[in-house]
Amino acid sequence: MIQIFGTNKSFDCKTAQRFFKERRIPFQFVDLKEKEMSAGEFDSVVMAMARTEGGRDAAIDAMIDKKAKDYASIAYLDDSEKEEKLFENQAKLLKQPVCRNGKNEATVGICQKIWESWK
């Protein structure tokens, strides 16, 4: 089952939901303002992203929404501190949508080419 993490106000989250609906691919939407990812879910997304981004620090960097109004609170932190700050402020700092296909595949942002390979 595909999970989409994001907020209801995010246009990109609505785009992701429409993408999966149109293809009749079942998904679960999780509103980060109501329920954030657990530590295990967050870690599995980071690990999946690390495989495609070339390491954990690169994955964390790719997951940060650089357009967020709270970006300054994370921009100048050490890499070791960024992951914790991102986990604590998912709804404000995470690039959306975060789409997860099982434990081994995840994307951040609009990634329709990758989603097309998910069944």
N, C-alpha and C. Protein backbone atom coordinates (compact mmCIF):
# COMPACT_ATOMS: atom_id res chain seq x y z
N MET A 1 0.85 -1.19 0.00
CA MET A 1 0.00 0.00 0.00
C MET A 1 0.89 1.24 0.00
N ILE A 2 0.52 2.18 -0.84
CA ILE A 2 1.27 3.42 -0.95
C ILE A 2 0.75 4.40 0.10
N GLN A 3 1.67 5.08 0.75
CA GLN A 3 1.31 6.11 1.72
C GLN A 3 1.78 7.46 1.20
N ILE A 4 0.92 8.45 1.34
CA ILE A 4 1.28 9.82 0.97
C ILE A 4 1.23 10.64 2.25
N PHE A 5 2.37 11.21 2.62
CA PHE A 5 2.45 12.08 3.80
C PHE A 5 2.52 13.52 3.31
N GLY A 6 1.70 14.37 3.90
CA GLY A 6 1.70 15.78 3.51
C GLY A 6 0.63 16.51 4.27
N THR A 7 0.24 17.67 3.74
CA THR A 7 -0.83 18.45 4.35
C THR A 7 -1.94 18.66 3.32
N ASN A 8 -3.15 18.87 3.84
CA ASN A 8 -4.30 19.05 2.94
C ASN A 8 -4.20 20.31 2.10
N LYS A 9 -3.45 21.30 2.55
CA LYS A 9 -3.35 22.56 1.80
C LYS A 9 -2.32 22.49 0.67
N SER A 10 -1.47 21.47 0.67
CA SER A 10 -0.40 21.38 -0.31
C SER A 10 -0.94 20.99 -1.69
N PHE A 11 -0.67 21.85 -2.66
CA PHE A 11 -1.09 21.57 -4.04
C PHE A 11 -0.40 20.31 -4.56
N ASP A 12 0.88 20.13 -4.23
CA ASP A 12 1.62 18.94 -4.69
C ASP A 12 1.04 17.65 -4.10
N CYS A 13 0.54 17.72 -2.87
CA CYS A 13 -0.08 16.54 -2.26
C CYS A 13 -1.37 16.18 -3.00
N LYS A 14 -2.12 17.20 -3.38
CA LYS A 14 -3.35 16.96 -4.14
C LYS A 14 -3.02 16.35 -5.50
N THR A 15 -1.92 16.82 -6.11
CA THR A 15 -1.48 16.27 -7.40
C THR A 15 -1.13 14.79 -7.25
N ALA A 16 -0.43 14.45 -6.18
CA ALA A 16 -0.05 13.05 -5.94
C ALA A 16 -1.29 12.18 -5.74
N GLN A 17 -2.23 12.67 -4.94
CA GLN A 17 -3.46 11.90 -4.71
C GLN A 17 -4.22 11.68 -6.01
N ARG A 18 -4.30 12.72 -6.84
CA ARG A 18 -4.98 12.60 -8.13
C ARG A 18 -4.28 11.59 -9.02
N PHE A 19 -2.94 11.61 -9.03
CA PHE A 19 -2.15 10.69 -9.85
C PHE A 19 -2.52 9.24 -9.52
N PHE A 20 -2.52 8.90 -8.23
CA PHE A 20 -2.81 7.51 -7.84
C PHE A 20 -4.29 7.17 -8.03
N LYS A 21 -5.20 8.12 -7.78
CA LYS A 21 -6.63 7.87 -7.99
C LYS A 21 -6.93 7.55 -9.46
N GLU A 22 -6.35 8.36 -10.36
CA GLU A 22 -6.60 8.17 -11.79
C GLU A 22 -6.14 6.81 -12.28
N ARG A 23 -5.13 6.25 -11.64
CA ARG A 23 -4.59 4.94 -12.04
C ARG A 23 -5.16 3.81 -11.20
N ARG A 24 -6.11 4.14 -10.36
CA ARG A 24 -6.76 3.18 -9.45
C ARG A 24 -5.74 2.42 -8.61
N ILE A 25 -4.72 3.13 -8.16
CA ILE A 25 -3.71 2.55 -7.27
C ILE A 25 -4.10 2.95 -5.85
N PRO A 26 -4.38 1.97 -4.98
CA PRO A 26 -4.81 2.31 -3.63
C PRO A 26 -3.70 3.02 -2.84
N PHE A 27 -4.09 4.01 -2.06
CA PHE A 27 -3.13 4.74 -1.24
C PHE A 27 -3.79 5.20 0.04
N GLN A 28 -2.96 5.56 1.00
CA GLN A 28 -3.43 6.12 2.26
C GLN A 28 -2.80 7.50 2.39
N PHE A 29 -3.63 8.51 2.64
CA PHE A 29 -3.11 9.86 2.85
C PHE A 29 -3.00 10.13 4.34
N VAL A 30 -1.85 10.61 4.78
CA VAL A 30 -1.63 10.94 6.18
C VAL A 30 -1.33 12.43 6.27
N ASP A 31 -2.21 13.17 6.95
CA ASP A 31 -2.02 14.61 7.12
C ASP A 31 -1.01 14.84 8.24
N LEU A 32 0.13 15.42 7.89
CA LEU A 32 1.21 15.63 8.86
C LEU A 32 0.82 16.60 9.97
N LYS A 33 -0.20 17.43 9.73
CA LYS A 33 -0.62 18.36 10.79
C LYS A 33 -1.40 17.61 11.87
N GLU A 34 -1.99 16.46 11.50
CA GLU A 34 -2.74 15.67 12.47
C GLU A 34 -1.90 14.56 13.08
N LYS A 35 -1.10 13.90 12.24
CA LYS A 35 -0.31 12.75 12.71
C LYS A 35 0.99 12.70 11.92
N GLU A 36 2.09 12.99 12.60
CA GLU A 36 3.39 12.96 11.93
C GLU A 36 3.88 11.52 11.80
N MET A 37 4.89 11.33 10.96
CA MET A 37 5.48 10.02 10.80
C MET A 37 6.11 9.57 12.11
N SER A 38 6.01 8.28 12.38
CA SER A 38 6.70 7.73 13.55
C SER A 38 8.19 7.70 13.25
N ALA A 39 8.99 7.46 14.27
CA ALA A 39 10.44 7.39 14.07
C ALA A 39 10.80 6.29 13.06
N GLY A 40 10.10 5.16 13.13
CA GLY A 40 10.36 4.05 12.20
C GLY A 40 9.99 4.41 10.77
N GLU A 41 8.84 5.04 10.59
CA GLU A 41 8.42 5.46 9.25
C GLU A 41 9.40 6.48 8.68
N PHE A 42 9.75 7.46 9.49
CA PHE A 42 10.68 8.50 9.06
C PHE A 42 12.02 7.88 8.65
N ASP A 43 12.52 6.96 9.47
CA ASP A 43 13.80 6.31 9.19
C ASP A 43 13.74 5.49 7.89
N SER A 44 12.62 4.80 7.65
CA SER A 44 12.52 4.01 6.42
C SER A 44 12.47 4.90 5.18
N VAL A 45 11.85 6.08 5.30
CA VAL A 45 11.84 7.05 4.19
C VAL A 45 13.26 7.56 3.95
N VAL A 46 13.96 7.90 5.03
CA VAL A 46 15.34 8.40 4.90
C VAL A 46 16.23 7.33 4.26
N MET A 47 16.09 6.09 4.70
CA MET A 47 16.92 4.99 4.14
C MET A 47 16.62 4.78 2.66
N ALA A 48 15.34 4.81 2.29
CA ALA A 48 14.96 4.64 0.88
C ALA A 48 15.50 5.80 0.04
N MET A 49 15.41 7.01 0.58
CA MET A 49 15.93 8.18 -0.13
C MET A 49 17.46 8.12 -0.22
N ALA A 50 18.11 7.61 0.81
CA ALA A 50 19.58 7.53 0.83
C ALA A 50 20.09 6.64 -0.29
N ARG A 51 19.32 5.59 -0.63
CA ARG A 51 19.72 4.71 -1.73
C ARG A 51 19.76 5.45 -3.07
N THR A 52 18.82 6.36 -3.28
CA THR A 52 18.76 7.07 -4.56
C THR A 52 19.55 8.38 -4.55
N GLU A 53 19.73 8.97 -3.37
CA GLU A 53 20.41 10.27 -3.28
C GLU A 53 21.91 10.14 -3.03
N GLY A 54 22.37 8.95 -2.65
CA GLY A 54 23.80 8.77 -2.41
C GLY A 54 24.22 9.05 -0.99
N GLY A 55 23.45 8.57 -0.04
CA GLY A 55 23.83 8.72 1.36
C GLY A 55 22.78 9.40 2.20
N ARG A 56 22.90 9.20 3.50
CA ARG A 56 21.90 9.71 4.44
C ARG A 56 21.85 11.23 4.49
N ASP A 57 23.01 11.89 4.52
CA ASP A 57 23.02 13.36 4.58
C ASP A 57 22.41 13.97 3.32
N ALA A 58 22.70 13.37 2.16
CA ALA A 58 22.12 13.86 0.90
C ALA A 58 20.61 13.64 0.89
N ALA A 59 20.17 12.53 1.47
CA ALA A 59 18.73 12.25 1.54
C ALA A 59 18.02 13.28 2.41
N ILE A 60 18.59 13.58 3.57
CA ILE A 60 17.99 14.58 4.48
C ILE A 60 17.93 15.93 3.76
N ASP A 61 19.01 16.29 3.08
CA ASP A 61 19.04 17.56 2.36
C ASP A 61 17.95 17.62 1.29
N ALA A 62 17.73 16.50 0.59
CA ALA A 62 16.70 16.45 -0.46
C ALA A 62 15.30 16.53 0.12
N MET A 63 15.14 16.11 1.37
CA MET A 63 13.82 16.08 2.00
C MET A 63 13.40 17.43 2.59
N ILE A 64 14.34 18.35 2.73
CA ILE A 64 14.04 19.65 3.33
C ILE A 64 13.41 20.58 2.29
N ASP A 65 12.30 21.20 2.66
CA ASP A 65 11.63 22.16 1.78
C ASP A 65 12.34 23.51 1.90
N LYS A 66 13.14 23.82 0.89
CA LYS A 66 13.94 25.05 0.94
C LYS A 66 13.11 26.31 0.73
N LYS A 67 11.83 26.14 0.35
CA LYS A 67 10.94 27.28 0.17
C LYS A 67 10.07 27.54 1.41
N ALA A 68 10.17 26.66 2.40
CA ALA A 68 9.36 26.80 3.61
C ALA A 68 9.73 28.07 4.36
N LYS A 69 8.73 28.69 4.98
CA LYS A 69 9.03 29.93 5.71
C LYS A 69 9.89 29.66 6.95
N ASP A 70 9.90 28.43 7.45
CA ASP A 70 10.73 28.06 8.60
C ASP A 70 12.09 27.50 8.18
N TYR A 71 12.44 27.60 6.90
CA TYR A 71 13.69 27.03 6.40
C TYR A 71 14.91 27.57 7.14
N ALA A 72 14.89 28.84 7.53
CA ALA A 72 16.05 29.44 8.21
C ALA A 72 16.38 28.71 9.50
N SER A 73 15.39 28.06 10.12
CA SER A 73 15.64 27.36 11.38
C SER A 73 16.47 26.09 11.20
N ILE A 74 16.59 25.63 9.97
CA ILE A 74 17.34 24.39 9.71
C ILE A 74 18.52 24.62 8.77
N ALA A 75 18.50 25.70 8.02
CA ALA A 75 19.48 25.92 6.95
C ALA A 75 20.93 25.92 7.41
N TYR A 76 21.18 26.43 8.59
CA TYR A 76 22.58 26.60 9.02
C TYR A 76 23.01 25.60 10.09
N LEU A 77 22.20 24.58 10.30
CA LEU A 77 22.57 23.55 11.28
C LEU A 77 23.60 22.59 10.68
N ASP A 78 24.35 21.91 11.55
CA ASP A 78 25.24 20.84 11.10
C ASP A 78 24.39 19.71 10.55
N ASP A 79 24.97 18.92 9.64
CA ASP A 79 24.23 17.79 9.08
C ASP A 79 23.70 16.87 10.18
N SER A 80 24.47 16.71 11.24
CA SER A 80 24.07 15.81 12.33
C SER A 80 22.80 16.31 13.04
N GLU A 81 22.55 17.61 13.01
CA GLU A 81 21.38 18.18 13.70
C GLU A 81 20.17 18.32 12.79
N LYS A 82 20.40 18.34 11.48
CA LYS A 82 19.30 18.56 10.53
C LYS A 82 18.25 17.47 10.59
N GLU A 83 18.68 16.21 10.70
CA GLU A 83 17.73 15.10 10.70
C GLU A 83 16.77 15.20 11.88
N GLU A 84 17.30 15.50 13.05
CA GLU A 84 16.46 15.62 14.25
C GLU A 84 15.48 16.79 14.12
N LYS A 85 15.95 17.92 13.63
CA LYS A 85 15.10 19.10 13.45
C LYS A 85 13.99 18.82 12.43
N LEU A 86 14.34 18.11 11.35
CA LEU A 86 13.36 17.77 10.33
C LEU A 86 12.30 16.83 10.90
N PHE A 87 12.74 15.83 11.67
CA PHE A 87 11.80 14.88 12.28
C PHE A 87 10.85 15.60 13.24
N GLU A 88 11.36 16.56 14.00
CA GLU A 88 10.54 17.27 14.98
C GLU A 88 9.56 18.26 14.35
N ASN A 89 9.82 18.69 13.11
CA ASN A 89 8.99 19.72 12.45
C ASN A 89 8.57 19.26 11.06
N GLN A 90 8.02 18.07 10.97
CA GLN A 90 7.70 17.47 9.67
C GLN A 90 6.73 18.32 8.85
N ALA A 91 5.66 18.78 9.46
CA ALA A 91 4.64 19.52 8.70
C ALA A 91 5.18 20.85 8.17
N LYS A 92 6.16 21.43 8.86
CA LYS A 92 6.67 22.74 8.45
C LYS A 92 7.89 22.67 7.54
N LEU A 93 8.72 21.65 7.68
CA LEU A 93 10.01 21.64 6.98
C LEU A 93 10.16 20.56 5.91
N LEU A 94 9.29 19.57 5.90
CA LEU A 94 9.43 18.46 4.95
C LEU A 94 8.88 18.85 3.58
N LYS A 95 9.67 18.57 2.55
CA LYS A 95 9.18 18.80 1.19
C LYS A 95 8.04 17.80 0.95
N GLN A 96 6.95 18.28 0.39
CA GLN A 96 5.77 17.44 0.22
C GLN A 96 5.44 17.22 -1.25
N PRO A 97 4.80 16.13 -1.57
CA PRO A 97 4.42 15.02 -0.71
C PRO A 97 5.58 14.05 -0.51
N VAL A 98 5.54 13.33 0.60
CA VAL A 98 6.44 12.20 0.81
C VAL A 98 5.60 10.97 0.49
N CYS A 99 5.99 10.25 -0.55
CA CYS A 99 5.26 9.05 -0.96
C CYS A 99 6.12 7.84 -0.66
N ARG A 100 5.49 6.86 -0.04
CA ARG A 100 6.23 5.67 0.38
C ARG A 100 5.53 4.44 -0.16
N ASN A 101 6.30 3.58 -0.80
CA ASN A 101 5.78 2.32 -1.33
C ASN A 101 6.48 1.21 -0.57
N GLY A 102 5.81 0.68 0.45
CA GLY A 102 6.45 -0.31 1.30
C GLY A 102 7.57 0.32 2.10
N LYS A 103 8.53 -0.48 2.51
CA LYS A 103 9.62 0.04 3.33
C LYS A 103 10.85 0.42 2.50
N ASN A 104 10.90 -0.01 1.25
CA ASN A 104 12.13 0.16 0.47
C ASN A 104 12.11 1.26 -0.58
N GLU A 105 10.93 1.83 -0.87
CA GLU A 105 10.85 2.86 -1.90
C GLU A 105 10.16 4.09 -1.33
N ALA A 106 10.74 5.25 -1.62
CA ALA A 106 10.13 6.51 -1.18
C ALA A 106 10.57 7.63 -2.11
N THR A 107 9.69 8.62 -2.24
CA THR A 107 10.01 9.82 -3.02
C THR A 107 9.58 11.04 -2.22
N VAL A 108 10.19 12.17 -2.53
CA VAL A 108 9.83 13.44 -1.92
C VAL A 108 9.57 14.41 -3.06
N GLY A 109 8.42 15.09 -3.01
CA GLY A 109 8.04 15.97 -4.10
C GLY A 109 7.32 15.19 -5.19
N ILE A 110 7.08 15.84 -6.31
CA ILE A 110 6.38 15.20 -7.43
C ILE A 110 7.38 14.37 -8.24
N CYS A 111 7.15 13.07 -8.28
CA CYS A 111 8.07 12.13 -8.96
C CYS A 111 7.26 11.14 -9.78
N GLN A 112 6.50 11.64 -10.76
CA GLN A 112 5.57 10.78 -11.48
C GLN A 112 6.24 9.63 -12.23
N LYS A 113 7.46 9.85 -12.74
CA LYS A 113 8.14 8.77 -13.46
C LYS A 113 8.41 7.58 -12.53
N ILE A 114 8.78 7.86 -11.29
CA ILE A 114 9.02 6.79 -10.33
C ILE A 114 7.71 6.15 -9.90
N TRP A 115 6.68 6.97 -9.67
CA TRP A 115 5.39 6.45 -9.24
C TRP A 115 4.79 5.50 -10.28
N GLU A 116 5.06 5.78 -11.57
CA GLU A 116 4.50 4.92 -12.61
C GLU A 116 5.00 3.49 -12.50
N SER A 117 6.17 3.29 -11.90
CA SER A 117 6.71 1.93 -11.75
C SER A 117 6.12 1.22 -10.54
N TRP A 118 5.40 1.94 -9.67
CA TRP A 118 4.81 1.34 -8.47
C TRP A 118 3.44 0.74 -8.79
N LYS A 119 3.23 -0.45 -8.32
CA LYS A 119 1.92 -1.10 -8.53
C LYS A 119 1.37 -1.58 -7.22
